[in-house]
Amino acid sequence: MNVLTIPFRFNGPAGIGNGGYVCGRIAAYVDGPATVTLRRPPPLDTPMEVERDDEGSVRVWHGRTLIGEAAPAQAGPHEITVTVSPAQADAAAGNARYFRGPVFPDYFVCGMNRRPGDGLRIFPGPVTGLGLWAAPWTPDPSVAGPDGRVRAEVVWAALDCPSGIAAAEAAMVAGGAL
């Protein structure tokens, strides 16, 4: 039996694992690219059972509660064709409306209360004139694997909060709530 435990450091909302980080950890049990779906909030510092099936899919259980599942992805990664300069990313950083009064200031990825080296401290914002969002990020050595590269589950986490903040703000703008 494989066991997955999400350390407290990698939190999202209070007592719950950061969704991107947890998805990255679950994806690691699948050979190749994976699609991951969280079904329930993943607990922190709690062993969860990882169950594999014959088709290469996995399920993560906390007792009888299905926390998440992953399957081999049907398509590979998509190429990003537009880039922003470091200066554009610096100018965009922290300009999301979210950062004026963050609901989750202690999140592993985008928590403004996290110290450098503890959280990722990625503070995205819209890039002027491009319809894109960006944020600078210099990964701390603590999120690197033995090869010195950022671990895959941390990359999943780094994409989670920034894309969630951008999507939430786009929905508010589209719905006229701002």
C-alpha atoms as a PDB file:
ATOM      1  CA  MET A   1       0.000   0.000   0.000  1.00  0.00           C
ATOM      2  CA  ASN A   2       1.256   3.472  -0.934  1.00  0.00           C
ATOM      3  CA  VAL A   3       0.644   6.301   1.509  1.00  0.00           C
ATOM      4  CA  LEU A   4       0.492   9.994   0.662  1.00  0.00           C
ATOM      5  CA  THR A   5       0.893  12.610   3.390  1.00  0.00           C
ATOM      6  CA  ILE A   6       0.796  16.334   2.662  1.00  0.00           C
ATOM      7  CA  PRO A   7       3.037  18.255   5.085  1.00  0.00           C
ATOM      8  CA  PHE A   8       1.545  21.309   6.801  1.00  0.00           C
ATOM      9  CA  ARG A   9       3.888  23.673   4.919  1.00  0.00           C
ATOM     10  CA  PHE A  10       1.988  23.010   1.680  1.00  0.00           C
ATOM     11  CA  ASN A  11      -1.348  24.403   2.858  1.00  0.00           C
ATOM     12  CA  GLY A  12      -4.200  26.083   1.087  1.00  0.00           C
ATOM     13  CA  PRO A  13      -7.133  27.116   3.317  1.00  0.00           C
ATOM     14  CA  ALA A  14      -6.768  26.358   7.030  1.00  0.00           C
ATOM     15  CA  GLY A  15      -6.099  22.649   7.587  1.00  0.00           C
ATOM     16  CA  ILE A  16      -6.293  21.781   3.873  1.00  0.00           C
ATOM     17  CA  GLY A  17      -3.556  21.009   1.356  1.00  0.00           C
ATOM     18  CA  ASN A  18      -2.861  23.450  -1.489  1.00  0.00           C
ATOM     19  CA  GLY A  19      -4.835  22.096  -4.442  1.00  0.00           C
ATOM     20  CA  GLY A  20      -2.053  22.459  -7.006  1.00  0.00           C
ATOM     21  CA  TYR A  21       0.544  20.884  -4.759  1.00  0.00           C
ATOM     22  CA  VAL A  22      -1.738  17.960  -3.871  1.00  0.00           C
ATOM     23  CA  CYS A  23      -2.632  17.417  -7.541  1.00  0.00           C
ATOM     24  CA  GLY A  24       1.063  17.363  -8.405  1.00  0.00           C
ATOM     25  CA  ARG A  25       1.739  14.775  -5.711  1.00  0.00           C
ATOM     26  CA  ILE A  26      -1.147  12.607  -6.950  1.00  0.00           C
ATOM     27  CA  ALA A  27      -0.022  13.003 -10.589  1.00  0.00           C
ATOM     28  CA  ALA A  28       3.354  11.531  -9.641  1.00  0.00           C
ATOM     29  CA  TYR A  29       1.683   8.145  -9.209  1.00  0.00           C
ATOM     30  CA  VAL A  30       0.635   8.121 -12.897  1.00  0.00           C
ATOM     31  CA  ASP A  31       3.097   7.226 -15.645  1.00  0.00           C
ATOM     32  CA  GLY A  32       3.467  10.234 -17.954  1.00  0.00           C
ATOM     33  CA  PRO A  33       1.187  13.291 -18.177  1.00  0.00           C
ATOM     34  CA  ALA A  34      -1.845  13.098 -15.891  1.00  0.00           C
ATOM     35  CA  THR A  35      -5.237  14.647 -15.369  1.00  0.00           C
ATOM     36  CA  VAL A  36      -6.043  15.046 -11.671  1.00  0.00           C
ATOM     37  CA  THR A  37      -9.373  15.829 -10.012  1.00  0.00           C
ATOM     38  CA  LEU A  38      -9.744  16.664  -6.339  1.00  0.00           C
ATOM     39  CA  ARG A  39     -13.025  15.374  -4.918  1.00  0.00           C
ATOM     40  CA  ARG A  40     -12.734  16.550  -1.313  1.00  0.00           C
ATOM     41  CA  PRO A  41     -10.420  18.894   0.610  1.00  0.00           C
ATOM     42  CA  PRO A  42      -7.128  17.073   1.220  1.00  0.00           C
ATOM     43  CA  PRO A  43      -6.131  16.974   4.894  1.00  0.00           C
ATOM     44  CA  LEU A  44      -2.675  18.018   6.082  1.00  0.00           C
ATOM     45  CA  ASP A  45      -0.216  15.839   7.998  1.00  0.00           C
ATOM     46  CA  THR A  46      -2.582  12.884   7.618  1.00  0.00           C
ATOM     47  CA  PRO A  47      -1.691   9.611   5.869  1.00  0.00           C
ATOM     48  CA  MET A  48      -3.939   8.866   2.903  1.00  0.00           C
ATOM     49  CA  GLU A  49      -4.034   5.590   0.982  1.00  0.00           C
ATOM     50  CA  VAL A  50      -3.099   5.588  -2.712  1.00  0.00           C
ATOM     51  CA  GLU A  51      -4.869   2.910  -4.739  1.00  0.00           C
ATOM     52  CA  ARG A  52      -3.788   2.021  -8.299  1.00  0.00           C
ATOM     53  CA  ASP A  53      -5.841   0.230 -10.922  1.00  0.00           C
ATOM     54  CA  ASP A  54      -4.808  -1.796 -13.971  1.00  0.00           C
ATOM     55  CA  GLU A  55      -5.447   1.110 -16.397  1.00  0.00           C
ATOM     56  CA  GLY A  56      -2.833   3.358 -14.757  1.00  0.00           C
ATOM     57  CA  SER A  57      -5.295   5.487 -12.787  1.00  0.00           C
ATOM     58  CA  VAL A  58      -4.997   6.198  -9.074  1.00  0.00           C
ATOM     59  CA  ARG A  59      -7.359   7.148  -6.276  1.00  0.00           C
ATOM     60  CA  VAL A  60      -6.406   8.726  -2.972  1.00  0.00           C
ATOM     61  CA  TRP A  61      -8.509   7.846   0.053  1.00  0.00           C
ATOM     62  CA  HIS A  62      -8.769   9.231   3.568  1.00  0.00           C
ATOM     63  CA  GLY A  63     -10.614   6.380   5.225  1.00  0.00           C
ATOM     64  CA  ARG A  64     -13.707   5.867   3.067  1.00  0.00           C
ATOM     65  CA  THR A  65     -13.596   9.389   1.622  1.00  0.00           C
ATOM     66  CA  LEU A  66     -12.284   9.793  -1.921  1.00  0.00           C
ATOM     67  CA  ILE A  67      -9.934  12.772  -1.818  1.00  0.00           C
ATOM     68  CA  GLY A  68      -8.754  12.771  -5.422  1.00  0.00           C
ATOM     69  CA  GLU A  69      -8.098  10.711  -8.504  1.00  0.00           C
ATOM     70  CA  ALA A  70      -5.773  10.833 -11.464  1.00  0.00           C
ATOM     71  CA  ALA A  71      -5.646   9.211 -14.876  1.00  0.00           C
ATOM     72  CA  PRO A  72      -3.232   9.324 -17.792  1.00  0.00           C
ATOM     73  CA  ALA A  73      -3.844  12.539 -19.759  1.00  0.00           C
ATOM     74  CA  GLN A  74      -5.447  12.240 -23.182  1.00  0.00           C
ATOM     75  CA  ALA A  75      -3.341  15.067 -24.627  1.00  0.00           C
ATOM     76  CA  GLY A  76       0.148  16.316 -23.950  1.00  0.00           C
ATOM     77  CA  PRO A  77       1.144  19.769 -22.731  1.00  0.00           C
ATOM     78  CA  HIS A  78       0.140  22.834 -24.724  1.00  0.00           C
ATOM     79  CA  GLU A  79       2.755  25.235 -25.995  1.00  0.00           C
ATOM     80  CA  ILE A  80       2.594  28.792 -24.743  1.00  0.00           C
ATOM     81  CA  THR A  81       3.346  31.130 -27.635  1.00  0.00           C
ATOM     82  CA  VAL A  82       3.251  34.523 -25.883  1.00  0.00           C
ATOM     83  CA  THR A  83       5.840  35.548 -23.340  1.00  0.00           C
ATOM     84  CA  VAL A  84       6.334  38.554 -21.103  1.00  0.00           C
ATOM     85  CA  SER A  85       9.605  40.198 -20.181  1.00  0.00           C
ATOM     86  CA  PRO A  86      10.929  40.204 -16.627  1.00  0.00           C
ATOM     87  CA  ALA A  87      10.122  43.935 -16.489  1.00  0.00           C
ATOM     88  CA  GLN A  88       6.509  43.278 -17.510  1.00  0.00           C
ATOM     89  CA  ALA A  89       6.190  40.545 -14.872  1.00  0.00           C
ATOM     90  CA  ASP A  90       7.652  42.871 -12.229  1.00  0.00           C
ATOM     91  CA  ALA A  91       5.187  45.619 -13.215  1.00  0.00           C
ATOM     92  CA  ALA A  92       2.227  43.200 -13.029  1.00  0.00           C
ATOM     93  CA  ALA A  93       3.214  41.640  -9.713  1.00  0.00           C
ATOM     94  CA  GLY A  94       0.724  42.092  -6.923  1.00  0.00           C
ATOM     95  CA  ASN A  95      -1.696  44.138  -9.006  1.00  0.00           C
ATOM     96  CA  ALA A  96      -4.572  41.697  -8.695  1.00  0.00           C
ATOM     97  CA  ARG A  97      -7.534  43.108  -6.766  1.00  0.00           C
ATOM     98  CA  TYR A  98      -7.179  40.035  -4.534  1.00  0.00           C
ATOM     99  CA  PHE A  99      -4.026  41.439  -2.907  1.00  0.00           C
ATOM    100  CA  ARG A 100      -5.845  44.533  -1.616  1.00  0.00           C
ATOM    101  CA  GLY A 101      -7.467  42.330   1.030  1.00  0.00           C
ATOM    102  CA  PRO A 102      -6.421  38.707   0.550  1.00  0.00           C
ATOM    103  CA  VAL A 103      -8.856  36.106   1.829  1.00  0.00           C
ATOM    104  CA  PHE A 104      -6.102  33.520   2.293  1.00  0.00           C
ATOM    105  CA  PRO A 105      -2.919  35.392   3.322  1.00  0.00           C
ATOM    106  CA  ASP A 106      -1.233  32.209   4.574  1.00  0.00           C
ATOM    107  CA  TYR A 107      -1.491  30.042   1.425  1.00  0.00           C
ATOM    108  CA  PHE A 108       1.698  28.234   0.439  1.00  0.00           C
ATOM    109  CA  VAL A 109       1.749  29.770  -3.056  1.00  0.00           C
ATOM    110  CA  CYS A 110       0.239  33.260  -2.927  1.00  0.00           C
ATOM    111  CA  GLY A 111       0.122  33.982   0.790  1.00  0.00           C
ATOM    112  CA  MET A 112       1.443  37.421   1.554  1.00  0.00           C
ATOM    113  CA  ASN A 113       2.115  36.392   5.163  1.00  0.00           C
ATOM    114  CA  ARG A 114       4.513  33.618   4.132  1.00  0.00           C
ATOM    115  CA  ARG A 115       8.207  34.344   4.621  1.00  0.00           C
ATOM    116  CA  PRO A 116      10.678  33.979   1.745  1.00  0.00           C
ATOM    117  CA  GLY A 117      11.852  30.369   1.753  1.00  0.00           C
ATOM    118  CA  ASP A 118       8.664  29.169   3.461  1.00  0.00           C
ATOM    119  CA  GLY A 119       6.001  29.971   0.856  1.00  0.00           C
ATOM    120  CA  LEU A 120       6.403  30.528  -2.865  1.00  0.00           C
ATOM    121  CA  ARG A 121       5.298  34.178  -2.590  1.00  0.00           C
ATOM    122  CA  ILE A 122       3.903  34.374  -6.133  1.00  0.00           C
ATOM    123  CA  PHE A 123       1.787  37.521  -6.446  1.00  0.00           C
ATOM    124  CA  PRO A 124       0.318  37.702  -9.968  1.00  0.00           C
ATOM    125  CA  GLY A 125      -1.312  40.595 -11.733  1.00  0.00           C
ATOM    126  CA  PRO A 126      -2.552  41.520 -15.203  1.00  0.00           C
ATOM    127  CA  VAL A 127       0.035  42.514 -17.808  1.00  0.00           C
ATOM    128  CA  THR A 128      -0.920  45.833 -19.346  1.00  0.00           C
ATOM    129  CA  GLY A 129      -2.186  45.515 -22.896  1.00  0.00           C
ATOM    130  CA  LEU A 130      -1.655  41.753 -23.308  1.00  0.00           C
ATOM    131  CA  GLY A 131      -4.663  40.059 -21.719  1.00  0.00           C
ATOM    132  CA  LEU A 132      -2.203  37.890 -19.761  1.00  0.00           C
ATOM    133  CA  TRP A 133      -1.248  37.585 -16.134  1.00  0.00           C
ATOM    134  CA  ALA A 134       2.292  37.290 -14.832  1.00  0.00           C
ATOM    135  CA  ALA A 135       4.419  37.354 -11.706  1.00  0.00           C
ATOM    136  CA  PRO A 136       8.138  37.050 -11.128  1.00  0.00           C
ATOM    137  CA  TRP A 137       9.278  34.055  -9.133  1.00  0.00           C
ATOM    138  CA  THR A 138      12.694  32.929  -7.977  1.00  0.00           C
ATOM    139  CA  PRO A 139      12.297  29.421  -6.545  1.00  0.00           C
ATOM    140  CA  ASP A 140      13.805  28.810  -3.136  1.00  0.00           C
ATOM    141  CA  PRO A 141      16.308  25.906  -2.958  1.00  0.00           C
ATOM    142  CA  SER A 142      13.952  24.133  -0.518  1.00  0.00           C
ATOM    143  CA  VAL A 143      11.538  23.339  -3.372  1.00  0.00           C
ATOM    144  CA  ALA A 144      14.194  21.720  -5.563  1.00  0.00           C
ATOM    145  CA  GLY A 145      14.771  18.025  -6.002  1.00  0.00           C
ATOM    146  CA  PRO A 146      18.144  16.277  -5.778  1.00  0.00           C
ATOM    147  CA  ASP A 147      18.917  17.410  -9.344  1.00  0.00           C
ATOM    148  CA  GLY A 148      18.515  21.075  -8.351  1.00  0.00           C
ATOM    149  CA  ARG A 149      15.355  21.541 -10.456  1.00  0.00           C
ATOM    150  CA  VAL A 150      12.031  22.643  -8.980  1.00  0.00           C
ATOM    151  CA  ARG A 151      10.021  19.539  -8.061  1.00  0.00           C
ATOM    152  CA  ALA A 152       7.021  18.853 -10.324  1.00  0.00           C
ATOM    153  CA  GLU A 153       4.457  19.141  -7.527  1.00  0.00           C
ATOM    154  CA  VAL A 154       5.761  22.626  -6.738  1.00  0.00           C
ATOM    155  CA  VAL A 155       5.298  23.621 -10.394  1.00  0.00           C
ATOM    156  CA  TRP A 156       1.688  22.383 -10.144  1.00  0.00           C
ATOM    157  CA  ALA A 157       1.301  24.558  -7.027  1.00  0.00           C
ATOM    158  CA  ALA A 158       2.915  27.580  -8.693  1.00  0.00           C
ATOM    159  CA  LEU A 159       0.304  27.405 -11.452  1.00  0.00           C
ATOM    160  CA  ASP A 160      -2.639  26.906  -9.081  1.00  0.00           C
ATOM    161  CA  CYS A 161      -3.077  30.154  -7.150  1.00  0.00           C
ATOM    162  CA  PRO A 162      -2.078  32.561  -9.944  1.00  0.00           C
ATOM    163  CA  SER A 163      -4.477  30.962 -12.413  1.00  0.00           C
ATOM    164  CA  GLY A 164      -7.217  30.809  -9.780  1.00  0.00           C
ATOM    165  CA  ILE A 165      -6.838  34.484  -8.906  1.00  0.00           C
ATOM    166  CA  ALA A 166      -6.843  35.463 -12.597  1.00  0.00           C
ATOM    167  CA  ALA A 167      -9.926  33.331 -13.312  1.00  0.00           C
ATOM    168  CA  ALA A 168     -11.802  34.686 -10.284  1.00  0.00           C
ATOM    169  CA  GLU A 169     -11.079  38.275 -11.230  1.00  0.00           C
ATOM    170  CA  ALA A 170     -12.054  37.633 -14.863  1.00  0.00           C
ATOM    171  CA  ALA A 171     -15.364  36.159 -13.662  1.00  0.00           C
ATOM    172  CA  MET A 172     -16.020  39.195 -11.456  1.00  0.00           C
ATOM    173  CA  VAL A 173     -15.310  41.554 -14.345  1.00  0.00           C
ATOM    174  CA  ALA A 174     -17.521  39.536 -16.697  1.00  0.00           C
ATOM    175  CA  GLY A 175     -20.304  39.436 -14.115  1.00  0.00           C
ATOM    176  CA  GLY A 176     -20.074  43.154 -13.400  1.00  0.00           C
ATOM    177  CA  ALA A 177     -19.230  42.601  -9.724  1.00  0.00           C
ATOM    178  CA  LEU A 178     -16.259  44.947  -9.688  1.00  0.00           C
END
